[in-house]
Structures are given as C-alpha cells and as structure tokens.
C-alpha cells in the first residue's frame, strides 16, 4: 500500500494510539453527561443533578489535562 493510503488510515489501523483514543472517548462521554445534567438540573429540586454536574466537570477537566499531556508526549 502506498504512503498516502497508509497516512489516510485506510489500512485498517487507527490514526491514534489506544491511550489517546481512550482519553478522547472518556472525555466525549463526560461532555455528553455534562450537557444532559445541565438540562436535568433545571428541574431538580433536590440538587442531585447539580452535584453530579460539578463532579462530571471535574472529571472532564482531569481527562482534558490527561489528553493534553498524551498529545504532547505521545
């Protein structure tokens, strides 16, 4: 297979390593949860979703930090 085909990722290999992919997927999931919890928190008199929202934001920040490190060092 020629270089252009390999670079385009058409060989069946992922363009990112497993560690980077895992961080991307986990961060995406956290961001989706944040979006949902923001909506749910509007109708939550007990504040459960507000608490979860804060936790998810902290987790997302940690994952983003790890992803940045992975991209710098990977």
PDB file of N, CA and C in Angstrom:
ATOM      1  N   UNK A   1       0.844  -1.168   0.000  1.00  0.00           N
ATOM      2  CA  UNK A   1       0.000   0.000   0.000  1.00  0.00           C
ATOM      3  C   UNK A   1       0.892   1.235   0.000  1.00  0.00           C
ATOM      4  N   UNK A   2       0.502   2.270  -0.744  1.00  0.00           N
ATOM      5  CA  UNK A   2       1.357   3.444  -0.827  1.00  0.00           C
ATOM      6  C   UNK A   2       1.264   4.317   0.430  1.00  0.00           C
ATOM      7  N   UNK A   3       2.163   5.285   0.528  1.00  0.00           N
ATOM      8  CA  UNK A   3       2.261   6.134   1.713  1.00  0.00           C
ATOM      9  C   UNK A   3       0.987   6.930   1.944  1.00  0.00           C
ATOM     10  N   UNK A   4       0.397   7.471   0.885  1.00  0.00           N
ATOM     11  CA  UNK A   4      -0.825   8.273   1.037  1.00  0.00           C
ATOM     12  C   UNK A   4      -1.959   7.425   1.612  1.00  0.00           C
ATOM     13  N   UNK A   5      -2.090   6.195   1.171  1.00  0.00           N
ATOM     14  CA  UNK A   5      -3.136   5.312   1.676  1.00  0.00           C
ATOM     15  C   UNK A   5      -2.906   5.017   3.145  1.00  0.00           C
ATOM     16  N   UNK A   6      -1.666   4.740   3.533  1.00  0.00           N
ATOM     17  CA  UNK A   6      -1.347   4.475   4.939  1.00  0.00           C
ATOM     18  C   UNK A   6      -1.626   5.701   5.791  1.00  0.00           C
ATOM     19  N   UNK A   7      -1.237   6.874   5.306  1.00  0.00           N
ATOM     20  CA  UNK A   7      -1.457   8.098   6.068  1.00  0.00           C
ATOM     21  C   UNK A   7      -2.938   8.400   6.221  1.00  0.00           C
ATOM     22  N   UNK A   8      -3.739   8.029   5.269  1.00  0.00           N
ATOM     23  CA  UNK A   8      -5.173   8.275   5.333  1.00  0.00           C
ATOM     24  C   UNK A   8      -5.861   7.291   6.276  1.00  0.00           C
ATOM     25  N   UNK A   9      -5.141   6.309   6.760  1.00  0.00           N
ATOM     26  CA  UNK A   9      -5.712   5.353   7.694  1.00  0.00           C
ATOM     27  C   UNK A   9      -6.557   4.289   7.019  1.00  0.00           C
ATOM     28  N   UNK A  10      -6.317   4.051   5.750  1.00  0.00           N
ATOM     29  CA  UNK A  10      -7.137   3.100   5.009  1.00  0.00           C
ATOM     30  C   UNK A  10      -6.637   1.672   5.135  1.00  0.00           C
ATOM     31  N   UNK A  11      -5.598   1.456   5.895  1.00  0.00           N
ATOM     32  CA  UNK A  11      -5.047   0.127   6.080  1.00  0.00           C
ATOM     33  C   UNK A  11      -5.785  -0.649   7.157  1.00  0.00           C
ATOM     34  N   UNK A  12      -6.738  -0.016   7.829  1.00  0.00           N
ATOM     35  CA  UNK A  12      -7.448  -0.663   8.905  1.00  0.00           C
ATOM     36  C   UNK A  12      -6.890  -0.342  10.269  1.00  0.00           C
ATOM     37  N   UNK A  13      -5.821   0.426  10.312  1.00  0.00           N
ATOM     38  CA  UNK A  13      -5.239   0.814  11.579  1.00  0.00           C
ATOM     39  C   UNK A  13      -5.812   2.164  12.011  1.00  0.00           C
ATOM     40  N   UNK A  14      -5.913   2.343  13.309  1.00  0.00           N
ATOM     41  CA  UNK A  14      -6.413   3.604  13.848  1.00  0.00           C
ATOM     42  C   UNK A  14      -5.362   4.691  13.692  1.00  0.00           C
ATOM     43  N   UNK A  15      -5.783   5.920  13.417  1.00  0.00           N
ATOM     44  CA  UNK A  15      -4.825   7.012  13.305  1.00  0.00           C
ATOM     45  C   UNK A  15      -4.297   7.487  14.664  1.00  0.00           C
ATOM     46  N   UNK A  16      -4.875   6.973  15.762  1.00  0.00           N
ATOM     47  CA  UNK A  16      -4.384   7.322  17.108  1.00  0.00           C
ATOM     48  C   UNK A  16      -4.140   6.047  17.901  1.00  0.00           C
ATOM     49  N   UNK A  17      -3.259   6.154  18.878  1.00  0.00           N
ATOM     50  CA  UNK A  17      -2.966   5.001  19.716  1.00  0.00           C
ATOM     51  C   UNK A  17      -4.115   4.771  20.704  1.00  0.00           C
ATOM     52  N   UNK A  18      -4.111   3.612  21.343  1.00  0.00           N
ATOM     53  CA  UNK A  18      -5.193   3.229  22.248  1.00  0.00           C
ATOM     54  C   UNK A  18      -5.355   4.193  23.412  1.00  0.00           C
ATOM     55  N   UNK A  19      -4.262   4.636  23.993  1.00  0.00           N
ATOM     56  CA  UNK A  19      -4.338   5.533  25.149  1.00  0.00           C
ATOM     57  C   UNK A  19      -5.008   6.855  24.775  1.00  0.00           C
ATOM     58  N   UNK A  20      -4.646   7.407  23.621  1.00  0.00           N
ATOM     59  CA  UNK A  20      -5.249   8.655  23.155  1.00  0.00           C
ATOM     60  C   UNK A  20      -6.718   8.446  22.848  1.00  0.00           C
ATOM     61  N   UNK A  21      -7.039   7.366  22.177  1.00  0.00           N
ATOM     62  CA  UNK A  21      -8.427   7.047  21.852  1.00  0.00           C
ATOM     63  C   UNK A  21      -9.262   6.918  23.120  1.00  0.00           C
ATOM     64  N   UNK A  22      -8.739   6.215  24.117  1.00  0.00           N
ATOM     65  CA  UNK A  22      -9.474   6.022  25.366  1.00  0.00           C
ATOM     66  C   UNK A  22      -9.766   7.354  26.044  1.00  0.00           C
ATOM     67  N   UNK A  23      -8.780   8.238  26.066  1.00  0.00           N
ATOM     68  CA  UNK A  23      -8.988   9.559  26.662  1.00  0.00           C
ATOM     69  C   UNK A  23     -10.015  10.370  25.885  1.00  0.00           C
ATOM     70  N   UNK A  24      -9.952  10.305  24.563  1.00  0.00           N
ATOM     71  CA  UNK A  24     -10.931  11.012  23.731  1.00  0.00           C
ATOM     72  C   UNK A  24     -12.340  10.499  23.982  1.00  0.00           C
ATOM     73  N   UNK A  25     -12.498   9.204  24.037  1.00  0.00           N
ATOM     74  CA  UNK A  25     -13.814   8.605  24.249  1.00  0.00           C
ATOM     75  C   UNK A  25     -14.358   8.937  25.637  1.00  0.00           C
ATOM     76  N   UNK A  26     -13.498   8.844  26.644  1.00  0.00           N
ATOM     77  CA  UNK A  26     -13.935   9.143  28.005  1.00  0.00           C
ATOM     78  C   UNK A  26     -14.330  10.614  28.131  1.00  0.00           C
ATOM     79  N   UNK A  27     -13.550  11.504  27.538  1.00  0.00           N
ATOM     80  CA  UNK A  27     -13.865  12.920  27.576  1.00  0.00           C
ATOM     81  C   UNK A  27     -15.178  13.202  26.849  1.00  0.00           C
ATOM     82  N   UNK A  28     -15.379  12.578  25.706  1.00  0.00           N
ATOM     83  CA  UNK A  28     -16.633  12.744  24.974  1.00  0.00           C
ATOM     84  C   UNK A  28     -17.820  12.315  25.825  1.00  0.00           C
ATOM     85  N   UNK A  29     -17.699  11.193  26.508  1.00  0.00           N
ATOM     86  CA  UNK A  29     -18.776  10.716  27.369  1.00  0.00           C
ATOM     87  C   UNK A  29     -19.051  11.699  28.505  1.00  0.00           C
ATOM     88  N   UNK A  30     -18.003  12.232  29.095  1.00  0.00           N
ATOM     89  CA  UNK A  30     -18.170  13.204  30.176  1.00  0.00           C
ATOM     90  C   UNK A  30     -18.858  14.464  29.669  1.00  0.00           C
ATOM     91  N   UNK A  31     -18.475  14.939  28.497  1.00  0.00           N
ATOM     92  CA  UNK A  31     -19.088  16.141  27.940  1.00  0.00           C
ATOM     93  C   UNK A  31     -20.562  15.921  27.618  1.00  0.00           C
ATOM     94  N   UNK A  32     -20.903  14.738  27.157  1.00  0.00           N
ATOM     95  CA  UNK A  32     -22.305  14.407  26.906  1.00  0.00           C
ATOM     96  C   UNK A  32     -23.091  14.363  28.221  1.00  0.00           C
ATOM     97  N   UNK A  33     -22.486  13.812  29.263  1.00  0.00           N
ATOM     98  CA  UNK A  33     -23.141  13.767  30.577  1.00  0.00           C
ATOM     99  C   UNK A  33     -23.349  15.183  31.110  1.00  0.00           C
ATOM    100  N   UNK A  34     -22.349  16.036  30.953  1.00  0.00           N
ATOM    101  CA  UNK A  34     -22.473  17.425  31.404  1.00  0.00           C
ATOM    102  C   UNK A  34     -23.643  18.110  30.721  1.00  0.00           C
ATOM    103  N   UNK A  35     -23.753  17.907  29.431  1.00  0.00           N
ATOM    104  CA  UNK A  35     -24.846  18.512  28.673  1.00  0.00           C
ATOM    105  C   UNK A  35     -26.204  18.040  29.198  1.00  0.00           C
ATOM    106  N   UNK A  36     -26.320  16.751  29.451  1.00  0.00           N
ATOM    107  CA  UNK A  36     -27.582  16.203  29.962  1.00  0.00           C
ATOM    108  C   UNK A  36     -27.864  16.708  31.368  1.00  0.00           C
ATOM    109  N   UNK A  37     -26.862  16.705  32.241  1.00  0.00           N
ATOM    110  CA  UNK A  37     -27.071  17.129  33.623  1.00  0.00           C
ATOM    111  C   UNK A  37     -27.434  18.601  33.716  1.00  0.00           C
ATOM    112  N   UNK A  38     -26.929  19.417  32.811  1.00  0.00           N
ATOM    113  CA  UNK A  38     -27.311  20.831  32.796  1.00  0.00           C
ATOM    114  C   UNK A  38     -28.815  20.975  32.562  1.00  0.00           C
ATOM    115  N   UNK A  39     -29.340  20.151  31.691  1.00  0.00           N
ATOM    116  CA  UNK A  39     -30.785  20.175  31.407  1.00  0.00           C
ATOM    117  C   UNK A  39     -31.554  19.624  32.601  1.00  0.00           C
ATOM    118  N   UNK A  40     -31.119  18.486  33.108  1.00  0.00           N
ATOM    119  CA  UNK A  40     -31.815  17.851  34.229  1.00  0.00           C
ATOM    120  C   UNK A  40     -31.792  18.720  35.479  1.00  0.00           C
ATOM    121  N   UNK A  41     -30.716  19.450  35.701  1.00  0.00           N
ATOM    122  CA  UNK A  41     -30.571  20.267  36.902  1.00  0.00           C
ATOM    123  C   UNK A  41     -31.623  21.371  36.977  1.00  0.00           C
ATOM    124  N   UNK A  42     -32.154  21.757  35.832  1.00  0.00           N
ATOM    125  CA  UNK A  42     -33.167  22.810  35.802  1.00  0.00           C
ATOM    126  C   UNK A  42     -34.452  22.382  36.505  1.00  0.00           C
ATOM    127  N   UNK A  43     -34.735  21.094  36.530  1.00  0.00           N
ATOM    128  CA  UNK A  43     -35.957  20.566  37.134  1.00  0.00           C
ATOM    129  C   UNK A  43     -35.637  19.621  38.285  1.00  0.00           C
ATOM    130  N   UNK A  44     -34.644  19.955  39.064  1.00  0.00           N
ATOM    131  CA  UNK A  44     -34.183  19.058  40.130  1.00  0.00           C
ATOM    132  C   UNK A  44     -34.191  19.772  41.482  1.00  0.00           C
ATOM    133  N   UNK A  45     -35.307  19.706  42.192  1.00  0.00           N
ATOM    134  CA  UNK A  45     -35.389  20.411  43.471  1.00  0.00           C
ATOM    135  C   UNK A  45     -34.432  19.864  44.544  1.00  0.00           C
ATOM    136  N   UNK A  46     -34.004  18.624  44.414  1.00  0.00           N
ATOM    137  CA  UNK A  46     -33.101  18.032  45.398  1.00  0.00           C
ATOM    138  C   UNK A  46     -31.639  18.389  45.142  1.00  0.00           C
ATOM    139  N   UNK A  47     -31.326  18.867  43.959  1.00  0.00           N
ATOM    140  CA  UNK A  47     -29.960  19.256  43.641  1.00  0.00           C
ATOM    141  C   UNK A  47     -29.034  18.109  43.291  1.00  0.00           C
ATOM    142  N   UNK A  48     -29.598  16.931  43.064  1.00  0.00           N
ATOM    143  CA  UNK A  48     -28.774  15.761  42.732  1.00  0.00           C
ATOM    144  C   UNK A  48     -28.001  15.997  41.434  1.00  0.00           C
ATOM    145  N   UNK A  49     -28.675  16.505  40.428  1.00  0.00           N
ATOM    146  CA  UNK A  49     -28.003  16.694  39.136  1.00  0.00           C
ATOM    147  C   UNK A  49     -26.987  17.834  39.187  1.00  0.00           C
ATOM    148  N   UNK A  50     -27.221  18.807  40.037  1.00  0.00           N
ATOM    149  CA  UNK A  50     -26.227  19.866  40.222  1.00  0.00           C
ATOM    150  C   UNK A  50     -24.940  19.305  40.802  1.00  0.00           C
ATOM    151  N   UNK A  51     -25.076  18.411  41.775  1.00  0.00           N
ATOM    152  CA  UNK A  51     -23.897  17.748  42.360  1.00  0.00           C
ATOM    153  C   UNK A  51     -23.171  16.919  41.310  1.00  0.00           C
ATOM    154  N   UNK A  52     -23.943  16.120  40.578  1.00  0.00           N
ATOM    155  CA  UNK A  52     -23.344  15.277  39.541  1.00  0.00           C
ATOM    156  C   UNK A  52     -22.681  16.128  38.464  1.00  0.00           C
ATOM    157  N   UNK A  53     -23.305  17.246  38.143  1.00  0.00           N
ATOM    158  CA  UNK A  53     -22.752  18.158  37.138  1.00  0.00           C
ATOM    159  C   UNK A  53     -21.374  18.652  37.563  1.00  0.00           C
ATOM    160  N   UNK A  54     -21.246  19.050  38.818  1.00  0.00           N
ATOM    161  CA  UNK A  54     -19.944  19.512  39.312  1.00  0.00           C
ATOM    162  C   UNK A  54     -18.902  18.404  39.258  1.00  0.00           C
ATOM    163  N   UNK A  55     -19.288  17.206  39.642  1.00  0.00           N
ATOM    164  CA  UNK A  55     -18.359  16.069  39.590  1.00  0.00           C
ATOM    165  C   UNK A  55     -17.940  15.773  38.163  1.00  0.00           C
ATOM    166  N   UNK A  56     -18.897  15.773  37.243  1.00  0.00           N
ATOM    167  CA  UNK A  56     -18.587  15.496  35.837  1.00  0.00           C
ATOM    168  C   UNK A  56     -17.660  16.567  35.261  1.00  0.00           C
ATOM    169  N   UNK A  57     -17.876  17.802  35.646  1.00  0.00           N
ATOM    170  CA  UNK A  57     -16.991  18.879  35.171  1.00  0.00           C
ATOM    171  C   UNK A  57     -15.563  18.661  35.667  1.00  0.00           C
ATOM    172  N   UNK A  58     -15.430  18.273  36.937  1.00  0.00           N
ATOM    173  CA  UNK A  58     -14.094  17.981  37.467  1.00  0.00           C
ATOM    174  C   UNK A  58     -13.448  16.822  36.729  1.00  0.00           C
ATOM    175  N   UNK A  59     -14.226  15.789  36.456  1.00  0.00           N
ATOM    176  CA  UNK A  59     -13.699  14.635  35.718  1.00  0.00           C
ATOM    177  C   UNK A  59     -13.299  15.041  34.300  1.00  0.00           C
ATOM    178  N   UNK A  60     -14.128  15.856  33.658  1.00  0.00           N
ATOM    179  CA  UNK A  60     -13.830  16.296  32.291  1.00  0.00           C
ATOM    180  C   UNK A  60     -12.543  17.117  32.260  1.00  0.00           C
ATOM    181  N   UNK A  61     -12.376  17.985  33.247  1.00  0.00           N
ATOM    182  CA  UNK A  61     -11.143  18.784  33.313  1.00  0.00           C
ATOM    183  C   UNK A  61      -9.923  17.890  33.487  1.00  0.00           C
ATOM    184  N   UNK A  62     -10.054  16.869  34.324  1.00  0.00           N
ATOM    185  CA  UNK A  62      -8.937  15.938  34.545  1.00  0.00           C
ATOM    186  C   UNK A  62      -8.621  15.167  33.262  1.00  0.00           C
ATOM    187  N   UNK A  63      -9.657  14.709  32.565  1.00  0.00           N
ATOM    188  CA  UNK A  63      -9.446  13.988  31.308  1.00  0.00           C
ATOM    189  C   UNK A  63      -8.823  14.890  30.251  1.00  0.00           C
ATOM    190  N   UNK A  64      -9.264  16.137  30.185  1.00  0.00           N
ATOM    191  CA  UNK A  64      -8.700  17.077  29.219  1.00  0.00           C
ATOM    192  C   UNK A  64      -7.224  17.306  29.506  1.00  0.00           C
ATOM    193  N   UNK A  65      -6.899  17.453  30.776  1.00  0.00           N
ATOM    194  CA  UNK A  65      -5.497  17.617  31.175  1.00  0.00           C
ATOM    195  C   UNK A  65      -4.671  16.391  30.758  1.00  0.00           C
ATOM    196  N   UNK A  66      -5.212  15.214  30.996  1.00  0.00           N
ATOM    197  CA  UNK A  66      -4.504  13.977  30.618  1.00  0.00           C
ATOM    198  C   UNK A  66      -4.368  13.872  29.103  1.00  0.00           C
ATOM    199  N   UNK A  67      -5.400  14.254  28.366  1.00  0.00           N
ATOM    200  CA  UNK A  67      -5.341  14.205  26.907  1.00  0.00           C
ATOM    201  C   UNK A  67      -4.293  15.166  26.374  1.00  0.00           C
ATOM    202  N   UNK A  68      -4.243  16.353  26.928  1.00  0.00           N
ATOM    203  CA  UNK A  68      -3.213  17.316  26.501  1.00  0.00           C
ATOM    204  C   UNK A  68      -1.817  16.747  26.743  1.00  0.00           C
ATOM    205  N   UNK A  69      -1.631  16.130  27.899  1.00  0.00           N
ATOM    206  CA  UNK A  69      -0.343  15.518  28.194  1.00  0.00           C
ATOM    207  C   UNK A  69      -0.024  14.397  27.230  1.00  0.00           C
ATOM    208  N   UNK A  70      -1.016  13.585  26.924  1.00  0.00           N
ATOM    209  CA  UNK A  70      -0.839  12.472  25.988  1.00  0.00           C
ATOM    210  C   UNK A  70      -0.450  12.999  24.612  1.00  0.00           C
ATOM    211  N   UNK A  71      -1.085  14.058  24.166  1.00  0.00           N
ATOM    212  CA  UNK A  71      -0.781  14.621  22.847  1.00  0.00           C
ATOM    213  C   UNK A  71       0.606  15.262  22.806  1.00  0.00           C
ATOM    214  N   UNK A  72       1.011  15.863  23.907  1.00  0.00           N
ATOM    215  CA  UNK A  72       2.352  16.445  23.981  1.00  0.00           C
ATOM    216  C   UNK A  72       3.433  15.360  23.979  1.00  0.00           C
ATOM    217  N   UNK A  73       3.176  14.298  24.706  1.00  0.00           N
ATOM    218  CA  UNK A  73       4.195  13.265  24.923  1.00  0.00           C
ATOM    219  C   UNK A  73       4.049  12.036  24.040  1.00  0.00           C
ATOM    220  N   UNK A  74       2.876  11.917  23.425  1.00  0.00           N
ATOM    221  CA  UNK A  74       2.592  10.714  22.658  1.00  0.00           C
ATOM    222  C   UNK A  74       3.186  10.742  21.324  1.00  0.00           C
TER     223      UNK A  74
END
